Amino acid sequence: MDLIRCLYWSEKVDPEKRIQIYLALYIKFIREAKEFEEKGDLVQASEKYWGAVTALLNIVGEKKGIPHYTHRDYWEIMNHIIDETKDEALTELFALAEKLHANFYHSFIPEHQFAIYSKKIKMLIEKLLRYLETIGVKVPKR
């Protein structure tokens, strides 16, 4: 089934339309992440932050012609961005994003530390949004 969806996605939807869909997903996920965090549902907030990050990485993948379907693909995209920007902090920030994704499944980040993770993920997202602008993607106002 995944192969069929990927084929449909790649053949039927214009790349610029896919970028717009990923931007809409980013907006949806970042809004939901903040809402869940405010409600104290940190497990759901964790996954929504992860979704926001991966939606942005999917846009980079579309623009650069890099696959963006697996964790390995996401690391390839991040490594590309790190090499291009020389921003080594992205390595640690993306590792924290993956840790939030794991938190969705295992709920191991203590409540009193979640604000630290949230702050760092927002830094990662801001860096990714700035990067998208440099490669010609019009990003939503922040």
N, C-alpha and C. Protein backbone atom coordinates (compact mmCIF):
# COMPACT_ATOMS: atom_id res chain seq x y z
N MET A 1 0.81 -1.20 0.00
CA MET A 1 0.00 0.00 0.00
C MET A 1 0.86 1.27 0.00
N ASP A 2 1.95 1.31 0.75
CA ASP A 2 2.80 2.51 0.79
C ASP A 2 3.38 2.82 -0.58
N LEU A 3 3.78 1.79 -1.31
CA LEU A 3 4.33 1.99 -2.64
C LEU A 3 3.28 2.63 -3.55
N ILE A 4 2.07 2.16 -3.47
CA ILE A 4 0.98 2.71 -4.29
C ILE A 4 0.76 4.18 -3.96
N ARG A 5 0.74 4.51 -2.66
CA ARG A 5 0.57 5.91 -2.26
C ARG A 5 1.72 6.76 -2.77
N CYS A 6 2.94 6.26 -2.65
CA CYS A 6 4.11 7.01 -3.12
C CYS A 6 4.04 7.24 -4.62
N LEU A 7 3.64 6.21 -5.37
CA LEU A 7 3.53 6.36 -6.82
C LEU A 7 2.45 7.38 -7.17
N TYR A 8 1.32 7.31 -6.51
CA TYR A 8 0.25 8.27 -6.77
C TYR A 8 0.74 9.68 -6.47
N TRP A 9 1.34 9.81 -5.31
CA TRP A 9 1.84 11.11 -4.85
C TRP A 9 2.82 11.68 -5.85
N SER A 10 3.78 10.86 -6.30
CA SER A 10 4.84 11.37 -7.16
C SER A 10 4.37 11.62 -8.58
N GLU A 11 3.40 10.86 -9.07
CA GLU A 11 2.97 11.00 -10.45
C GLU A 11 1.80 11.95 -10.64
N LYS A 12 0.95 12.07 -9.67
CA LYS A 12 -0.31 12.80 -9.85
C LYS A 12 -0.30 14.22 -9.29
N VAL A 13 0.58 14.50 -8.37
CA VAL A 13 0.55 15.81 -7.72
C VAL A 13 1.79 16.61 -8.14
N ASP A 14 1.53 17.80 -8.63
CA ASP A 14 2.60 18.71 -9.05
C ASP A 14 3.52 19.01 -7.87
N PRO A 15 4.85 19.04 -8.10
CA PRO A 15 5.79 19.31 -6.99
C PRO A 15 5.48 20.60 -6.22
N GLU A 16 5.10 21.65 -6.91
CA GLU A 16 4.76 22.90 -6.20
C GLU A 16 3.52 22.72 -5.34
N LYS A 17 2.58 21.93 -5.80
CA LYS A 17 1.38 21.64 -5.00
C LYS A 17 1.76 20.83 -3.76
N ARG A 18 2.69 19.88 -3.92
CA ARG A 18 3.15 19.10 -2.76
C ARG A 18 3.78 20.02 -1.73
N ILE A 19 4.55 20.99 -2.18
CA ILE A 19 5.17 21.95 -1.26
C ILE A 19 4.10 22.70 -0.50
N GLN A 20 3.06 23.13 -1.18
CA GLN A 20 1.97 23.84 -0.51
C GLN A 20 1.26 22.94 0.50
N ILE A 21 1.12 21.66 0.16
CA ILE A 21 0.51 20.70 1.10
C ILE A 21 1.39 20.54 2.33
N TYR A 22 2.70 20.42 2.12
CA TYR A 22 3.60 20.29 3.27
C TYR A 22 3.60 21.56 4.13
N LEU A 23 3.51 22.73 3.50
CA LEU A 23 3.42 23.97 4.29
C LEU A 23 2.14 23.98 5.13
N ALA A 24 1.04 23.54 4.54
CA ALA A 24 -0.21 23.47 5.29
C ALA A 24 -0.11 22.48 6.44
N LEU A 25 0.57 21.36 6.20
CA LEU A 25 0.77 20.38 7.28
C LEU A 25 1.65 20.98 8.38
N TYR A 26 2.70 21.70 7.99
CA TYR A 26 3.55 22.35 8.99
C TYR A 26 2.71 23.26 9.88
N ILE A 27 1.88 24.10 9.26
CA ILE A 27 1.05 25.05 10.02
C ILE A 27 0.11 24.28 10.96
N LYS A 28 -0.51 23.24 10.46
CA LYS A 28 -1.42 22.42 11.28
C LYS A 28 -0.68 21.81 12.46
N PHE A 29 0.47 21.19 12.19
CA PHE A 29 1.20 20.51 13.25
C PHE A 29 1.76 21.47 14.29
N ILE A 30 2.28 22.61 13.87
CA ILE A 30 2.86 23.54 14.85
C ILE A 30 1.76 24.13 15.72
N ARG A 31 0.60 24.40 15.13
CA ARG A 31 -0.53 24.91 15.91
C ARG A 31 -0.96 23.86 16.94
N GLU A 32 -1.11 22.61 16.49
CA GLU A 32 -1.53 21.54 17.39
C GLU A 32 -0.49 21.28 18.48
N ALA A 33 0.79 21.37 18.13
CA ALA A 33 1.84 21.15 19.12
C ALA A 33 1.71 22.16 20.26
N LYS A 34 1.53 23.42 19.90
CA LYS A 34 1.39 24.46 20.92
C LYS A 34 0.14 24.25 21.77
N GLU A 35 -0.96 23.86 21.13
CA GLU A 35 -2.20 23.61 21.87
C GLU A 35 -2.04 22.45 22.85
N PHE A 36 -1.45 21.34 22.38
CA PHE A 36 -1.25 20.20 23.27
C PHE A 36 -0.29 20.54 24.40
N GLU A 37 0.74 21.31 24.09
CA GLU A 37 1.69 21.70 25.14
C GLU A 37 0.99 22.55 26.20
N GLU A 38 0.16 23.49 25.77
CA GLU A 38 -0.58 24.35 26.72
C GLU A 38 -1.52 23.53 27.59
N LYS A 39 -2.10 22.47 27.03
CA LYS A 39 -3.01 21.60 27.78
C LYS A 39 -2.27 20.62 28.68
N GLY A 40 -0.94 20.52 28.50
CA GLY A 40 -0.17 19.59 29.30
C GLY A 40 -0.08 18.20 28.71
N ASP A 41 -0.57 18.00 27.49
CA ASP A 41 -0.46 16.70 26.82
C ASP A 41 0.85 16.67 26.06
N LEU A 42 1.92 16.39 26.80
CA LEU A 42 3.26 16.51 26.25
C LEU A 42 3.59 15.38 25.28
N VAL A 43 2.95 14.25 25.42
CA VAL A 43 3.17 13.14 24.49
C VAL A 43 2.66 13.54 23.11
N GLN A 44 1.44 14.06 23.05
CA GLN A 44 0.89 14.51 21.76
C GLN A 44 1.67 15.72 21.22
N ALA A 45 2.04 16.63 22.09
CA ALA A 45 2.82 17.79 21.66
C ALA A 45 4.14 17.34 21.04
N SER A 46 4.75 16.32 21.63
CA SER A 46 6.02 15.79 21.11
C SER A 46 5.87 15.37 19.66
N GLU A 47 4.83 14.62 19.37
CA GLU A 47 4.64 14.10 18.01
C GLU A 47 4.27 15.21 17.04
N LYS A 48 3.53 16.18 17.50
CA LYS A 48 3.15 17.28 16.62
C LYS A 48 4.36 18.15 16.27
N TYR A 49 5.26 18.36 17.24
CA TYR A 49 6.50 19.08 16.92
C TYR A 49 7.32 18.29 15.89
N TRP A 50 7.39 16.97 16.09
CA TRP A 50 8.09 16.12 15.12
C TRP A 50 7.44 16.27 13.74
N GLY A 51 6.15 16.23 13.69
CA GLY A 51 5.44 16.38 12.42
C GLY A 51 5.73 17.72 11.75
N ALA A 52 5.80 18.78 12.54
CA ALA A 52 6.12 20.10 11.99
C ALA A 52 7.51 20.10 11.37
N VAL A 53 8.47 19.51 12.08
CA VAL A 53 9.84 19.45 11.57
C VAL A 53 9.90 18.63 10.28
N THR A 54 9.29 17.46 10.28
CA THR A 54 9.38 16.61 9.10
C THR A 54 8.62 17.22 7.91
N ALA A 55 7.56 17.95 8.16
CA ALA A 55 6.87 18.63 7.05
C ALA A 55 7.82 19.61 6.37
N LEU A 56 8.61 20.33 7.17
CA LEU A 56 9.58 21.27 6.60
C LEU A 56 10.69 20.53 5.85
N LEU A 57 11.13 19.41 6.40
CA LEU A 57 12.17 18.62 5.71
C LEU A 57 11.64 18.04 4.41
N ASN A 58 10.36 17.69 4.39
CA ASN A 58 9.76 17.20 3.15
C ASN A 58 9.80 18.28 2.06
N ILE A 59 9.63 19.52 2.45
CA ILE A 59 9.71 20.62 1.48
C ILE A 59 11.12 20.71 0.92
N VAL A 60 12.11 20.63 1.79
CA VAL A 60 13.50 20.66 1.32
C VAL A 60 13.74 19.50 0.36
N GLY A 61 13.26 18.32 0.72
CA GLY A 61 13.41 17.16 -0.15
C GLY A 61 12.79 17.41 -1.52
N GLU A 62 11.62 18.00 -1.55
CA GLU A 62 10.96 18.31 -2.82
C GLU A 62 11.79 19.29 -3.64
N LYS A 63 12.26 20.36 -2.99
CA LYS A 63 13.02 21.38 -3.71
C LYS A 63 14.37 20.87 -4.21
N LYS A 64 15.00 20.01 -3.41
CA LYS A 64 16.35 19.56 -3.74
C LYS A 64 16.38 18.20 -4.45
N GLY A 65 15.22 17.59 -4.61
CA GLY A 65 15.18 16.27 -5.26
C GLY A 65 15.78 15.17 -4.41
N ILE A 66 15.62 15.29 -3.09
CA ILE A 66 16.14 14.30 -2.15
C ILE A 66 14.96 13.49 -1.62
N PRO A 67 15.07 12.15 -1.60
CA PRO A 67 13.98 11.34 -1.02
C PRO A 67 13.69 11.80 0.41
N HIS A 68 12.42 11.69 0.81
CA HIS A 68 12.04 12.17 2.15
C HIS A 68 10.92 11.32 2.72
N TYR A 69 11.20 10.03 2.86
CA TYR A 69 10.18 9.10 3.33
C TYR A 69 10.57 8.34 4.60
N THR A 70 11.83 8.36 4.97
CA THR A 70 12.30 7.58 6.12
C THR A 70 13.15 8.46 7.04
N HIS A 71 13.43 7.93 8.22
CA HIS A 71 14.33 8.65 9.14
C HIS A 71 15.70 8.85 8.49
N ARG A 72 16.17 7.85 7.79
CA ARG A 72 17.46 8.00 7.09
C ARG A 72 17.39 9.15 6.09
N ASP A 73 16.28 9.21 5.34
CA ASP A 73 16.12 10.30 4.39
C ASP A 73 16.15 11.65 5.09
N TYR A 74 15.49 11.74 6.24
CA TYR A 74 15.48 13.01 6.97
C TYR A 74 16.89 13.40 7.42
N TRP A 75 17.67 12.41 7.84
CA TRP A 75 19.05 12.71 8.20
C TRP A 75 19.86 13.13 6.98
N GLU A 76 19.59 12.52 5.83
CA GLU A 76 20.28 12.93 4.61
C GLU A 76 19.96 14.39 4.29
N ILE A 77 18.71 14.75 4.44
CA ILE A 77 18.32 16.14 4.19
C ILE A 77 18.99 17.06 5.20
N MET A 78 18.97 16.69 6.47
CA MET A 78 19.62 17.52 7.49
C MET A 78 21.11 17.65 7.21
N ASN A 79 21.76 16.54 6.84
CA ASN A 79 23.19 16.61 6.53
C ASN A 79 23.45 17.54 5.35
N HIS A 80 22.57 17.52 4.38
CA HIS A 80 22.69 18.42 3.24
C HIS A 80 22.59 19.88 3.71
N ILE A 81 21.61 20.16 4.56
CA ILE A 81 21.42 21.52 5.07
C ILE A 81 22.64 21.93 5.91
N ILE A 82 23.10 21.04 6.76
CA ILE A 82 24.26 21.33 7.62
C ILE A 82 25.48 21.63 6.76
N ASP A 83 25.72 20.80 5.73
CA ASP A 83 26.87 21.04 4.84
C ASP A 83 26.74 22.37 4.13
N GLU A 84 25.54 22.70 3.70
CA GLU A 84 25.32 23.93 2.95
C GLU A 84 25.42 25.17 3.83
N THR A 85 24.86 25.10 5.04
CA THR A 85 24.82 26.27 5.92
C THR A 85 26.01 26.35 6.88
N LYS A 86 26.69 25.23 7.05
CA LYS A 86 27.79 25.14 8.03
C LYS A 86 27.30 25.35 9.46
N ASP A 87 26.02 25.09 9.69
CA ASP A 87 25.41 25.27 11.02
C ASP A 87 25.40 23.93 11.74
N GLU A 88 26.46 23.68 12.51
CA GLU A 88 26.61 22.40 13.21
C GLU A 88 25.58 22.21 14.31
N ALA A 89 25.00 23.28 14.81
CA ALA A 89 23.98 23.16 15.86
C ALA A 89 22.77 22.37 15.37
N LEU A 90 22.56 22.34 14.07
CA LEU A 90 21.42 21.60 13.52
C LEU A 90 21.49 20.11 13.84
N THR A 91 22.69 19.57 13.97
CA THR A 91 22.84 18.15 14.30
C THR A 91 22.18 17.85 15.63
N GLU A 92 22.50 18.62 16.65
CA GLU A 92 21.94 18.39 17.98
C GLU A 92 20.45 18.72 18.02
N LEU A 93 20.05 19.77 17.34
CA LEU A 93 18.65 20.15 17.35
C LEU A 93 17.78 19.08 16.69
N PHE A 94 18.27 18.51 15.59
CA PHE A 94 17.48 17.46 14.94
C PHE A 94 17.46 16.19 15.78
N ALA A 95 18.56 15.89 16.46
CA ALA A 95 18.57 14.73 17.36
C ALA A 95 17.53 14.92 18.46
N LEU A 96 17.36 16.14 18.95
CA LEU A 96 16.32 16.40 19.94
C LEU A 96 14.93 16.23 19.35
N ALA A 97 14.77 16.60 18.09
CA ALA A 97 13.46 16.39 17.44
C ALA A 97 13.14 14.90 17.37
N GLU A 98 14.14 14.09 17.05
CA GLU A 98 13.92 12.64 17.04
C GLU A 98 13.59 12.12 18.43
N LYS A 99 14.20 12.73 19.44
CA LYS A 99 13.91 12.33 20.81
C LYS A 99 12.45 12.65 21.17
N LEU A 100 11.95 13.77 20.68
CA LEU A 100 10.53 14.07 20.90
C LEU A 100 9.65 13.05 20.21
N HIS A 101 10.04 12.63 19.01
CA HIS A 101 9.29 11.61 18.29
C HIS A 101 9.26 10.32 19.11
N ALA A 102 10.39 9.95 19.69
CA ALA A 102 10.45 8.75 20.54
C ALA A 102 9.60 8.92 21.79
N ASN A 103 9.54 10.15 22.29
CA ASN A 103 8.73 10.41 23.48
C ASN A 103 7.26 10.11 23.23
N PHE A 104 6.80 10.27 22.02
CA PHE A 104 5.42 9.96 21.67
C PHE A 104 5.12 8.49 21.97
N TYR A 105 6.09 7.63 21.72
CA TYR A 105 5.89 6.20 21.92
C TYR A 105 6.21 5.73 23.34
N HIS A 106 7.12 6.43 24.02
CA HIS A 106 7.62 5.92 25.29
C HIS A 106 7.43 6.85 26.48
N SER A 107 7.01 8.08 26.24
CA SER A 107 6.70 9.04 27.30
C SER A 107 7.76 9.07 28.41
N PHE A 108 8.97 9.46 28.04
CA PHE A 108 10.07 9.44 29.00
C PHE A 108 10.63 10.83 29.33
N ILE A 109 10.15 11.87 28.64
CA ILE A 109 10.65 13.22 28.94
C ILE A 109 9.85 13.77 30.11
N PRO A 110 10.54 14.10 31.21
CA PRO A 110 9.82 14.63 32.38
C PRO A 110 9.15 15.98 32.06
N GLU A 111 8.02 16.18 32.65
CA GLU A 111 7.24 17.39 32.41
C GLU A 111 8.07 18.65 32.65
N HIS A 112 8.86 18.65 33.73
CA HIS A 112 9.62 19.85 34.07
C HIS A 112 10.76 20.13 33.08
N GLN A 113 11.10 19.16 32.22
CA GLN A 113 12.14 19.38 31.21
C GLN A 113 11.57 19.65 29.81
N PHE A 114 10.29 19.43 29.64
CA PHE A 114 9.71 19.54 28.31
C PHE A 114 9.88 20.94 27.73
N ALA A 115 9.81 21.96 28.55
CA ALA A 115 9.95 23.33 28.06
C ALA A 115 11.31 23.53 27.39
N ILE A 116 12.33 22.85 27.89
CA ILE A 116 13.66 22.93 27.27
C ILE A 116 13.61 22.37 25.86
N TYR A 117 13.00 21.20 25.72
CA TYR A 117 12.88 20.56 24.41
C TYR A 117 12.05 21.44 23.46
N SER A 118 10.96 21.95 23.95
CA SER A 118 10.08 22.78 23.16
C SER A 118 10.84 24.00 22.62
N LYS A 119 11.59 24.64 23.49
CA LYS A 119 12.38 25.82 23.10
C LYS A 119 13.38 25.45 22.00
N LYS A 120 14.04 24.33 22.16
CA LYS A 120 15.05 23.90 21.18
C LYS A 120 14.41 23.54 19.84
N ILE A 121 13.26 22.89 19.88
CA ILE A 121 12.58 22.51 18.64
C ILE A 121 12.12 23.76 17.90
N LYS A 122 11.67 24.75 18.64
CA LYS A 122 11.28 26.01 18.00
C LYS A 122 12.49 26.69 17.36
N MET A 123 13.67 26.55 17.96
CA MET A 123 14.90 27.07 17.35
C MET A 123 15.18 26.33 16.04
N LEU A 124 15.05 25.01 16.07
CA LEU A 124 15.25 24.21 14.86
C LEU A 124 14.28 24.65 13.77
N ILE A 125 13.03 24.79 14.12
CA ILE A 125 12.01 25.17 13.15
C ILE A 125 12.32 26.55 12.55
N GLU A 126 12.72 27.49 13.38
CA GLU A 126 13.08 28.82 12.86
C GLU A 126 14.25 28.73 11.88
N LYS A 127 15.23 27.91 12.19
CA LYS A 127 16.37 27.73 11.29
C LYS A 127 15.92 27.10 9.97
N LEU A 128 15.04 26.11 10.06
CA LEU A 128 14.55 25.46 8.84
C LEU A 128 13.71 26.43 8.01
N LEU A 129 12.89 27.24 8.65
CA LEU A 129 12.09 28.23 7.92
C LEU A 129 12.99 29.24 7.21
N ARG A 130 14.04 29.69 7.89
CA ARG A 130 14.98 30.62 7.25
C ARG A 130 15.69 29.95 6.07
N TYR A 131 16.06 28.68 6.25
CA TYR A 131 16.70 27.95 5.16
C TYR A 131 15.76 27.84 3.96
N LEU A 132 14.50 27.52 4.21
CA LEU A 132 13.54 27.40 3.12
C LEU A 132 13.46 28.70 2.32
N GLU A 133 13.51 29.82 3.01
CA GLU A 133 13.48 31.10 2.31
C GLU A 133 14.68 31.23 1.38
N THR A 134 15.84 30.74 1.81
CA THR A 134 17.04 30.86 0.97
C THR A 134 16.97 29.99 -0.26
N ILE A 135 16.14 28.96 -0.26
CA ILE A 135 16.03 28.11 -1.45
C ILE A 135 14.75 28.39 -2.23
N GLY A 136 14.15 29.56 -1.95
CA GLY A 136 13.05 30.03 -2.77
C GLY A 136 11.66 29.59 -2.36
N VAL A 137 11.51 29.15 -1.12
CA VAL A 137 10.18 28.76 -0.65
C VAL A 137 9.60 29.91 0.16
N LYS A 138 8.43 30.35 -0.24
CA LYS A 138 7.76 31.41 0.51
C LYS A 138 7.11 30.78 1.72
N VAL A 139 7.59 31.16 2.89
CA VAL A 139 7.11 30.53 4.13
C VAL A 139 6.07 31.43 4.80
N PRO A 140 5.19 30.80 5.58
CA PRO A 140 4.18 31.59 6.27
C PRO A 140 4.81 32.53 7.30
N LYS A 141 4.12 33.64 7.56
CA LYS A 141 4.63 34.58 8.56
C LYS A 141 4.67 33.90 9.90
N ARG A 142 5.71 34.23 10.67
CA ARG A 142 5.90 33.60 11.96
C ARG A 142 5.56 34.56 13.08
